[in-house]
PDB file of N, CA and C in Angstrom:
ATOM      1  N   MET A   1      47.431  15.805  25.243  1.00  0.00           N
ATOM      2  CA  MET A   1      46.290  15.744  26.120  1.00  0.00           C
ATOM      3  C   MET A   1      45.594  14.406  25.908  1.00  0.00           C
ATOM      4  N   ALA A   2      45.445  13.666  26.976  1.00  0.00           N
ATOM      5  CA  ALA A   2      44.849  12.340  26.916  1.00  0.00           C
ATOM      6  C   ALA A   2      43.330  12.441  27.044  1.00  0.00           C
ATOM      7  N   VAL A   3      42.653  11.562  26.334  1.00  0.00           N
ATOM      8  CA  VAL A   3      41.193  11.507  26.402  1.00  0.00           C
ATOM      9  C   VAL A   3      40.811  10.645  27.590  1.00  0.00           C
ATOM     10  N   SER A   4      39.966  11.184  28.446  1.00  0.00           N
ATOM     11  CA  SER A   4      39.570  10.412  29.626  1.00  0.00           C
ATOM     12  C   SER A   4      38.512   9.384  29.253  1.00  0.00           C
ATOM     13  N   ARG A   5      38.366   8.373  30.104  1.00  0.00           N
ATOM     14  CA  ARG A   5      37.361   7.336  29.881  1.00  0.00           C
ATOM     15  C   ARG A   5      35.954   7.915  29.900  1.00  0.00           C
ATOM     16  N   LYS A   6      35.723   8.913  30.746  1.00  0.00           N
ATOM     17  CA  LYS A   6      34.406   9.535  30.851  1.00  0.00           C
ATOM     18  C   LYS A   6      34.029  10.208  29.531  1.00  0.00           C
ATOM     19  N   ASN A   7      34.972  10.956  28.952  1.00  0.00           N
ATOM     20  CA  ASN A   7      34.710  11.618  27.675  1.00  0.00           C
ATOM     21  C   ASN A   7      34.483  10.603  26.561  1.00  0.00           C
ATOM     22  N   LEU A   8      35.252   9.542  26.553  1.00  0.00           N
ATOM     23  CA  LEU A   8      35.110   8.506  25.542  1.00  0.00           C
ATOM     24  C   LEU A   8      33.750   7.826  25.650  1.00  0.00           C
ATOM     25  N   SER A   9      33.292   7.571  26.861  1.00  0.00           N
ATOM     26  CA  SER A   9      31.976   6.960  27.074  1.00  0.00           C
ATOM     27  C   SER A   9      30.863   7.892  26.611  1.00  0.00           C
ATOM     28  N   ALA A  10      30.997   9.173  26.877  1.00  0.00           N
ATOM     29  CA  ALA A  10      29.986  10.148  26.460  1.00  0.00           C
ATOM     30  C   ALA A  10      29.909  10.236  24.938  1.00  0.00           C
ATOM     31  N   VAL A  11      31.048  10.221  24.282  1.00  0.00           N
ATOM     32  CA  VAL A  11      31.081  10.263  22.818  1.00  0.00           C
ATOM     33  C   VAL A  11      30.462   8.994  22.242  1.00  0.00           C
ATOM     34  N   ALA A  12      30.771   7.857  22.807  1.00  0.00           N
ATOM     35  CA  ALA A  12      30.209   6.586  22.331  1.00  0.00           C
ATOM     36  C   ALA A  12      28.698   6.561  22.523  1.00  0.00           C
ATOM     37  N   ALA A  13      28.218   7.053  23.653  1.00  0.00           N
ATOM     38  CA  ALA A  13      26.776   7.089  23.916  1.00  0.00           C
ATOM     39  C   ALA A  13      26.073   8.028  22.938  1.00  0.00           C
ATOM     40  N   ALA A  14      26.660   9.183  22.679  1.00  0.00           N
ATOM     41  CA  ALA A  14      26.074  10.135  21.730  1.00  0.00           C
ATOM     42  C   ALA A  14      26.035   9.544  20.322  1.00  0.00           C
ATOM     43  N   ALA A  15      27.084   8.846  19.939  1.00  0.00           N
ATOM     44  CA  ALA A  15      27.124   8.215  18.616  1.00  0.00           C
ATOM     45  C   ALA A  15      26.066   7.124  18.499  1.00  0.00           C
ATOM     46  N   ALA A  16      25.860   6.358  19.561  1.00  0.00           N
ATOM     47  CA  ALA A  16      24.852   5.299  19.549  1.00  0.00           C
ATOM     48  C   ALA A  16      23.451   5.886  19.427  1.00  0.00           C
ATOM     49  N   VAL A  17      23.179   6.961  20.145  1.00  0.00           N
ATOM     50  CA  VAL A  17      21.865   7.613  20.068  1.00  0.00           C
ATOM     51  C   VAL A  17      21.643   8.179  18.670  1.00  0.00           C
ATOM     52  N   LEU A  18      22.641   8.817  18.103  1.00  0.00           N
ATOM     53  CA  LEU A  18      22.532   9.367  16.754  1.00  0.00           C
ATOM     54  C   LEU A  18      22.271   8.264  15.731  1.00  0.00           C
ATOM     55  N   LEU A  19      22.966   7.159  15.845  1.00  0.00           N
ATOM     56  CA  LEU A  19      22.763   6.026  14.950  1.00  0.00           C
ATOM     57  C   LEU A  19      21.341   5.481  15.074  1.00  0.00           C
ATOM     58  N   LEU A  20      20.848   5.385  16.288  1.00  0.00           N
ATOM     59  CA  LEU A  20      19.486   4.902  16.521  1.00  0.00           C
ATOM     60  C   LEU A  20      18.461   5.826  15.876  1.00  0.00           C
ATOM     61  N   VAL A  21      18.644   7.127  16.009  1.00  0.00           N
ATOM     62  CA  VAL A  21      17.726   8.097  15.403  1.00  0.00           C
ATOM     63  C   VAL A  21      17.734   7.969  13.883  1.00  0.00           C
ATOM     64  N   VAL A  22      18.892   7.822  13.292  1.00  0.00           N
ATOM     65  CA  VAL A  22      18.997   7.681  11.837  1.00  0.00           C
ATOM     66  C   VAL A  22      18.314   6.400  11.365  1.00  0.00           C
ATOM     67  N   VAL A  23      18.518   5.305  12.059  1.00  0.00           N
ATOM     68  CA  VAL A  23      17.905   4.027  11.677  1.00  0.00           C
ATOM     69  C   VAL A  23      16.389   4.106  11.774  1.00  0.00           C
ATOM     70  N   VAL A  24      15.863   4.679  12.848  1.00  0.00           N
ATOM     71  CA  VAL A  24      14.411   4.795  13.019  1.00  0.00           C
ATOM     72  C   VAL A  24      13.816   5.701  11.942  1.00  0.00           C
ATOM     73  N   ALA A  25      14.469   6.803  11.634  1.00  0.00           N
ATOM     74  CA  ALA A  25      13.976   7.713  10.596  1.00  0.00           C
ATOM     75  C   ALA A  25      13.960   7.031   9.232  1.00  0.00           C
ATOM     76  N   GLU A  26      14.968   6.259   8.936  1.00  0.00           N
ATOM     77  CA  GLU A  26      15.026   5.546   7.659  1.00  0.00           C
ATOM     78  C   GLU A  26      13.930   4.491   7.569  1.00  0.00           C
ATOM     79  N   MET A  27      13.685   3.780   8.648  1.00  0.00           N
ATOM     80  CA  MET A  27      12.629   2.763   8.655  1.00  0.00           C
ATOM     81  C   MET A  27      11.266   3.411   8.478  1.00  0.00           C
ATOM     82  N   ALA A  28      11.054   4.567   9.060  1.00  0.00           N
ATOM     83  CA  ALA A  28       9.774   5.257   8.931  1.00  0.00           C
ATOM     84  C   ALA A  28       9.550   5.723   7.502  1.00  0.00           C
ATOM     85  N   SER A  29      10.589   6.170   6.826  1.00  0.00           N
ATOM     86  CA  SER A  29      10.426   6.645   5.456  1.00  0.00           C
ATOM     87  C   SER A  29      10.166   5.492   4.493  1.00  0.00           C
ATOM     88  N   VAL A  30      10.659   4.305   4.788  1.00  0.00           N
ATOM     89  CA  VAL A  30      10.409   3.142   3.938  1.00  0.00           C
ATOM     90  C   VAL A  30       8.950   2.729   4.031  1.00  0.00           C
ATOM     91  N   GLY A  31       8.349   2.840   5.202  1.00  0.00           N
ATOM     92  CA  GLY A  31       6.966   2.432   5.399  1.00  0.00           C
ATOM     93  C   GLY A  31       5.959   3.422   4.861  1.00  0.00           C
ATOM     94  N   ALA A  32       6.355   4.653   4.623  1.00  0.00           N
ATOM     95  CA  ALA A  32       5.428   5.673   4.149  1.00  0.00           C
ATOM     96  C   ALA A  32       5.196   5.494   2.654  1.00  0.00           C
ATOM     97  N   ALA A  33       3.939   5.471   2.265  1.00  0.00           N
ATOM     98  CA  ALA A  33       3.603   5.319   0.857  1.00  0.00           C
ATOM     99  C   ALA A  33       2.959   6.599   0.345  1.00  0.00           C
ATOM    100  N   ASP A  34       3.384   7.032  -0.833  1.00  0.00           N
ATOM    101  CA  ASP A  34       2.768   8.193  -1.450  1.00  0.00           C
ATOM    102  C   ASP A  34       1.465   7.764  -2.097  1.00  0.00           C
ATOM    103  N   THR A  35       0.549   8.715  -2.206  1.00  0.00           N
ATOM    104  CA  THR A  35      -0.732   8.445  -2.840  1.00  0.00           C
ATOM    105  C   THR A  35      -0.723   9.044  -4.236  1.00  0.00           C
ATOM    106  N   CYS A  36      -1.067   8.241  -5.223  1.00  0.00           N
ATOM    107  CA  CYS A  36      -1.163   8.693  -6.610  1.00  0.00           C
ATOM    108  C   CYS A  36      -2.632   8.820  -6.997  1.00  0.00           C
ATOM    109  N   ARG A  37      -2.907   9.721  -7.942  1.00  0.00           N
ATOM    110  CA  ARG A  37      -4.280   9.903  -8.419  1.00  0.00           C
ATOM    111  C   ARG A  37      -4.333   9.696  -9.927  1.00  0.00           C
ATOM    112  N   HIS A  38      -5.439   9.143 -10.368  1.00  0.00           N
ATOM    113  CA  HIS A  38      -5.674   9.006 -11.800  1.00  0.00           C
ATOM    114  C   HIS A  38      -7.172   9.115 -12.055  1.00  0.00           C
ATOM    115  N   LEU A  39      -7.521   9.574 -13.224  1.00  0.00           N
ATOM    116  CA  LEU A  39      -8.915   9.766 -13.596  1.00  0.00           C
ATOM    117  C   LEU A  39      -9.614   8.413 -13.679  1.00  0.00           C
ATOM    118  N   SER A  40     -10.784   8.332 -13.065  1.00  0.00           N
ATOM    119  CA  SER A  40     -11.546   7.083 -13.080  1.00  0.00           C
ATOM    120  C   SER A  40     -12.031   6.778 -14.493  1.00  0.00           C
ATOM    121  N   GLY A  41     -11.951   5.518 -14.864  1.00  0.00           N
ATOM    122  CA  GLY A  41     -12.451   5.100 -16.162  1.00  0.00           C
ATOM    123  C   GLY A  41     -13.907   4.669 -16.113  1.00  0.00           C
ATOM    124  N   ALA A  42     -14.424   4.403 -14.915  1.00  0.00           N
ATOM    125  CA  ALA A  42     -15.783   3.889 -14.783  1.00  0.00           C
ATOM    126  C   ALA A  42     -16.794   4.942 -14.335  1.00  0.00           C
ATOM    127  N   PHE A  43     -16.332   6.054 -13.780  1.00  0.00           N
ATOM    128  CA  PHE A  43     -17.252   7.082 -13.280  1.00  0.00           C
ATOM    129  C   PHE A  43     -17.733   7.938 -14.442  1.00  0.00           C
ATOM    130  N   HIS A  44     -19.048   8.160 -14.516  1.00  0.00           N
ATOM    131  CA  HIS A  44     -19.631   8.970 -15.594  1.00  0.00           C
ATOM    132  C   HIS A  44     -20.387  10.144 -14.997  1.00  0.00           C
ATOM    133  N   GLY A  45     -20.307  11.288 -15.649  1.00  0.00           N
ATOM    134  CA  GLY A  45     -21.025  12.482 -15.211  1.00  0.00           C
ATOM    135  C   GLY A  45     -20.182  13.343 -14.288  1.00  0.00           C
ATOM    136  N   LEU A  46     -20.830  14.404 -13.751  1.00  0.00           N
ATOM    137  CA  LEU A  46     -20.142  15.294 -12.825  1.00  0.00           C
ATOM    138  C   LEU A  46     -19.986  14.621 -11.476  1.00  0.00           C
ATOM    139  N   CYS A  47     -18.849  14.808 -10.881  1.00  0.00           N
ATOM    140  CA  CYS A  47     -18.566  14.212  -9.572  1.00  0.00           C
ATOM    141  C   CYS A  47     -18.931  15.235  -8.496  1.00  0.00           C
ATOM    142  N   THR A  48     -19.965  14.944  -7.734  1.00  0.00           N
ATOM    143  CA  THR A  48     -20.419  15.887  -6.709  1.00  0.00           C
ATOM    144  C   THR A  48     -20.320  15.311  -5.304  1.00  0.00           C
ATOM    145  N   TRP A  49     -20.054  14.011  -5.194  1.00  0.00           N
ATOM    146  CA  TRP A  49     -20.028  13.374  -3.879  1.00  0.00           C
ATOM    147  C   TRP A  49     -18.826  12.437  -3.808  1.00  0.00           C
ATOM    148  N   ASP A  50     -17.888  12.751  -2.915  1.00  0.00           N
ATOM    149  CA  ASP A  50     -16.659  11.955  -2.796  1.00  0.00           C
ATOM    150  C   ASP A  50     -16.941  10.483  -2.504  1.00  0.00           C
ATOM    151  N   LYS A  51     -17.957  10.189  -1.702  1.00  0.00           N
ATOM    152  CA  LYS A  51     -18.266   8.795  -1.336  1.00  0.00           C
ATOM    153  C   LYS A  51     -18.633   7.988  -2.576  1.00  0.00           C
ATOM    154  N   HIS A  52     -19.451   8.566  -3.450  1.00  0.00           N
ATOM    155  CA  HIS A  52     -19.839   7.857  -4.680  1.00  0.00           C
ATOM    156  C   HIS A  52     -18.598   7.605  -5.547  1.00  0.00           C
ATOM    157  N   CYS A  53     -17.732   8.602  -5.631  1.00  0.00           N
ATOM    158  CA  CYS A  53     -16.481   8.463  -6.396  1.00  0.00           C
ATOM    159  C   CYS A  53     -15.606   7.364  -5.794  1.00  0.00           C
ATOM    160  N   ALA A  54     -15.448   7.376  -4.476  1.00  0.00           N
ATOM    161  CA  ALA A  54     -14.616   6.373  -3.800  1.00  0.00           C
ATOM    162  C   ALA A  54     -15.169   4.968  -4.015  1.00  0.00           C
ATOM    163  N   ASP A  55     -16.494   4.820  -3.921  1.00  0.00           N
ATOM    164  CA  ASP A  55     -17.116   3.509  -4.145  1.00  0.00           C
ATOM    165  C   ASP A  55     -16.860   3.021  -5.570  1.00  0.00           C
ATOM    166  N   THR A  56     -17.002   3.911  -6.532  1.00  0.00           N
ATOM    167  CA  THR A  56     -16.757   3.551  -7.933  1.00  0.00           C
ATOM    168  C   THR A  56     -15.302   3.135  -8.138  1.00  0.00           C
ATOM    169  N   CYS A  57     -14.386   3.885  -7.538  1.00  0.00           N
ATOM    170  CA  CYS A  57     -12.953   3.589  -7.708  1.00  0.00           C
ATOM    171  C   CYS A  57     -12.562   2.251  -7.090  1.00  0.00           C
ATOM    172  N   THR A  58     -13.062   1.963  -5.887  1.00  0.00           N
ATOM    173  CA  THR A  58     -12.688   0.700  -5.248  1.00  0.00           C
ATOM    174  C   THR A  58     -13.317  -0.492  -5.968  1.00  0.00           C
ATOM    175  N   THR A  59     -14.459  -0.276  -6.620  1.00  0.00           N
ATOM    176  CA  THR A  59     -15.068  -1.334  -7.425  1.00  0.00           C
ATOM    177  C   THR A  59     -14.298  -1.509  -8.737  1.00  0.00           C
ATOM    178  N   GLU A  60     -13.812  -0.410  -9.268  1.00  0.00           N
ATOM    179  CA  GLU A  60     -13.086  -0.405 -10.542  1.00  0.00           C
ATOM    180  C   GLU A  60     -11.793  -1.215 -10.478  1.00  0.00           C
ATOM    181  N   SER A  61     -11.068  -1.120  -9.360  1.00  0.00           N
ATOM    182  CA  SER A  61      -9.795  -1.835  -9.236  1.00  0.00           C
ATOM    183  C   SER A  61      -9.474  -2.087  -7.771  1.00  0.00           C
ATOM    184  N   SER A  62      -8.928  -3.267  -7.489  1.00  0.00           N
ATOM    185  CA  SER A  62      -8.543  -3.579  -6.108  1.00  0.00           C
ATOM    186  C   SER A  62      -7.306  -2.790  -5.680  1.00  0.00           C
ATOM    187  N   ASN A  63      -6.592  -2.186  -6.635  1.00  0.00           N
ATOM    188  CA  ASN A  63      -5.431  -1.347  -6.310  1.00  0.00           C
ATOM    189  C   ASN A  63      -5.832   0.031  -5.802  1.00  0.00           C
ATOM    190  N   ASN A  64      -7.068   0.449  -6.091  1.00  0.00           N
ATOM    191  CA  ASN A  64      -7.530   1.765  -5.657  1.00  0.00           C
ATOM    192  C   ASN A  64      -7.906   1.724  -4.181  1.00  0.00           C
ATOM    193  N   ILE A  65      -7.521   2.783  -3.453  1.00  0.00           N
ATOM    194  CA  ILE A  65      -7.822   2.853  -2.018  1.00  0.00           C
ATOM    195  C   ILE A  65      -8.893   3.891  -1.712  1.00  0.00           C
ATOM    196  N   GLY A  66      -9.404   4.570  -2.728  1.00  0.00           N
ATOM    197  CA  GLY A  66     -10.442   5.579  -2.527  1.00  0.00           C
ATOM    198  C   GLY A  66     -10.592   6.428  -3.764  1.00  0.00           C
ATOM    199  N   GLY A  67     -11.315   7.538  -3.594  1.00  0.00           N
ATOM    200  CA  GLY A  67     -11.523   8.449  -4.703  1.00  0.00           C
ATOM    201  C   GLY A  67     -11.989   9.795  -4.204  1.00  0.00           C
ATOM    202  N   VAL A  68     -11.730  10.840  -4.979  1.00  0.00           N
ATOM    203  CA  VAL A  68     -12.135  12.202  -4.628  1.00  0.00           C
ATOM    204  C   VAL A  68     -12.610  12.936  -5.872  1.00  0.00           C
ATOM    205  N   CYS A  69     -13.552  13.861  -5.652  1.00  0.00           N
ATOM    206  CA  CYS A  69     -14.011  14.744  -6.719  1.00  0.00           C
ATOM    207  C   CYS A  69     -13.095  15.955  -6.753  1.00  0.00           C
ATOM    208  N   ASP A  70     -12.606  16.308  -7.952  1.00  0.00           N
ATOM    209  CA  ASP A  70     -11.704  17.451  -8.063  1.00  0.00           C
ATOM    210  C   ASP A  70     -11.765  18.005  -9.477  1.00  0.00           C
ATOM    211  N   ASP A  71     -11.344  19.220  -9.663  1.00  0.00           N
ATOM    212  CA  ASP A  71     -11.244  19.963 -10.915  1.00  0.00           C
ATOM    213  C   ASP A  71     -12.315  21.041 -10.954  1.00  0.00           C
ATOM    214  N   THR A  72     -12.163  21.949 -11.915  1.00  0.00           N
ATOM    215  CA  THR A  72     -13.152  23.011 -12.098  1.00  0.00           C
ATOM    216  C   THR A  72     -14.478  22.395 -12.508  1.00  0.00           C
ATOM    217  N   LEU A  73     -14.423  21.501 -13.453  1.00  0.00           N
ATOM    218  CA  LEU A  73     -15.578  20.697 -13.834  1.00  0.00           C
ATOM    219  C   LEU A  73     -15.385  19.382 -13.089  1.00  0.00           C
ATOM    220  N   PRO A  74     -16.061  19.208 -11.933  1.00  0.00           N
ATOM    221  CA  PRO A  74     -15.719  18.097 -11.021  1.00  0.00           C
ATOM    222  C   PRO A  74     -15.725  16.724 -11.695  1.00  0.00           C
ATOM    223  N   ARG A  75     -14.564  16.078 -11.623  1.00  0.00           N
ATOM    224  CA  ARG A  75     -14.408  14.722 -12.144  1.00  0.00           C
ATOM    225  C   ARG A  75     -13.901  13.829 -11.025  1.00  0.00           C
ATOM    226  N   CYS A  76     -14.086  12.543 -11.186  1.00  0.00           N
ATOM    227  CA  CYS A  76     -13.705  11.565 -10.169  1.00  0.00           C
ATOM    228  C   CYS A  76     -12.273  11.096 -10.409  1.00  0.00           C
ATOM    229  N   TYR A  77     -11.436  11.284  -9.386  1.00  0.00           N
ATOM    230  CA  TYR A  77     -10.054  10.811  -9.426  1.00  0.00           C
ATOM    231  C   TYR A  77      -9.882   9.686  -8.412  1.00  0.00           C
ATOM    232  N   CYS A  78      -9.364   8.567  -8.870  1.00  0.00           N
ATOM    233  CA  CYS A  78      -9.115   7.431  -7.986  1.00  0.00           C
ATOM    234  C   CYS A  78      -7.758   7.597  -7.308  1.00  0.00           C
ATOM    235  N   LEU A  79      -7.666   7.115  -6.075  1.00  0.00           N
ATOM    236  CA  LEU A  79      -6.434   7.173  -5.297  1.00  0.00           C
ATOM    237  C   LEU A  79      -5.871   5.771  -5.151  1.00  0.00           C
ATOM    238  N   SER A  80      -4.563   5.651  -5.313  1.00  0.00           N
ATOM    239  CA  SER A  80      -3.888   4.368  -5.117  1.00  0.00           C
ATOM    240  C   SER A  80      -2.515   4.637  -4.516  1.00  0.00           C
ATOM    241  N   ASN A  81      -1.936   3.612  -3.905  1.00  0.00           N
ATOM    242  CA  ASN A  81      -0.577   3.746  -3.371  1.00  0.00           C
ATOM    243  C   ASN A  81       0.412   3.691  -4.524  1.00  0.00           C
ATOM    244  N   CYS A  82       1.381   4.589  -4.507  1.00  0.00           N
ATOM    245  CA  CYS A  82       2.390   4.627  -5.590  1.00  0.00           C
ATOM    246  C   CYS A  82       3.416   3.527  -5.400  1.00  0.00           C
TER     247      CYS A  82
END
């Protein structure tokens, strides 16, 4: 049974679309950065306001992108890109 030109073109088109989807998905995963958290070294006392924590963290290090209050006894955790 011979493969027709129409079938061959359809297979080639499907393969090209699949390759494009894989390439785009891979590029998107490379650009995505995970966020890491670490306890602030400069924040003192109970952390009750995320904005104050974020301000302290961004002042503490240029690598920090923000901060959040978390834990049972609220402490300030700085956020940075991993």
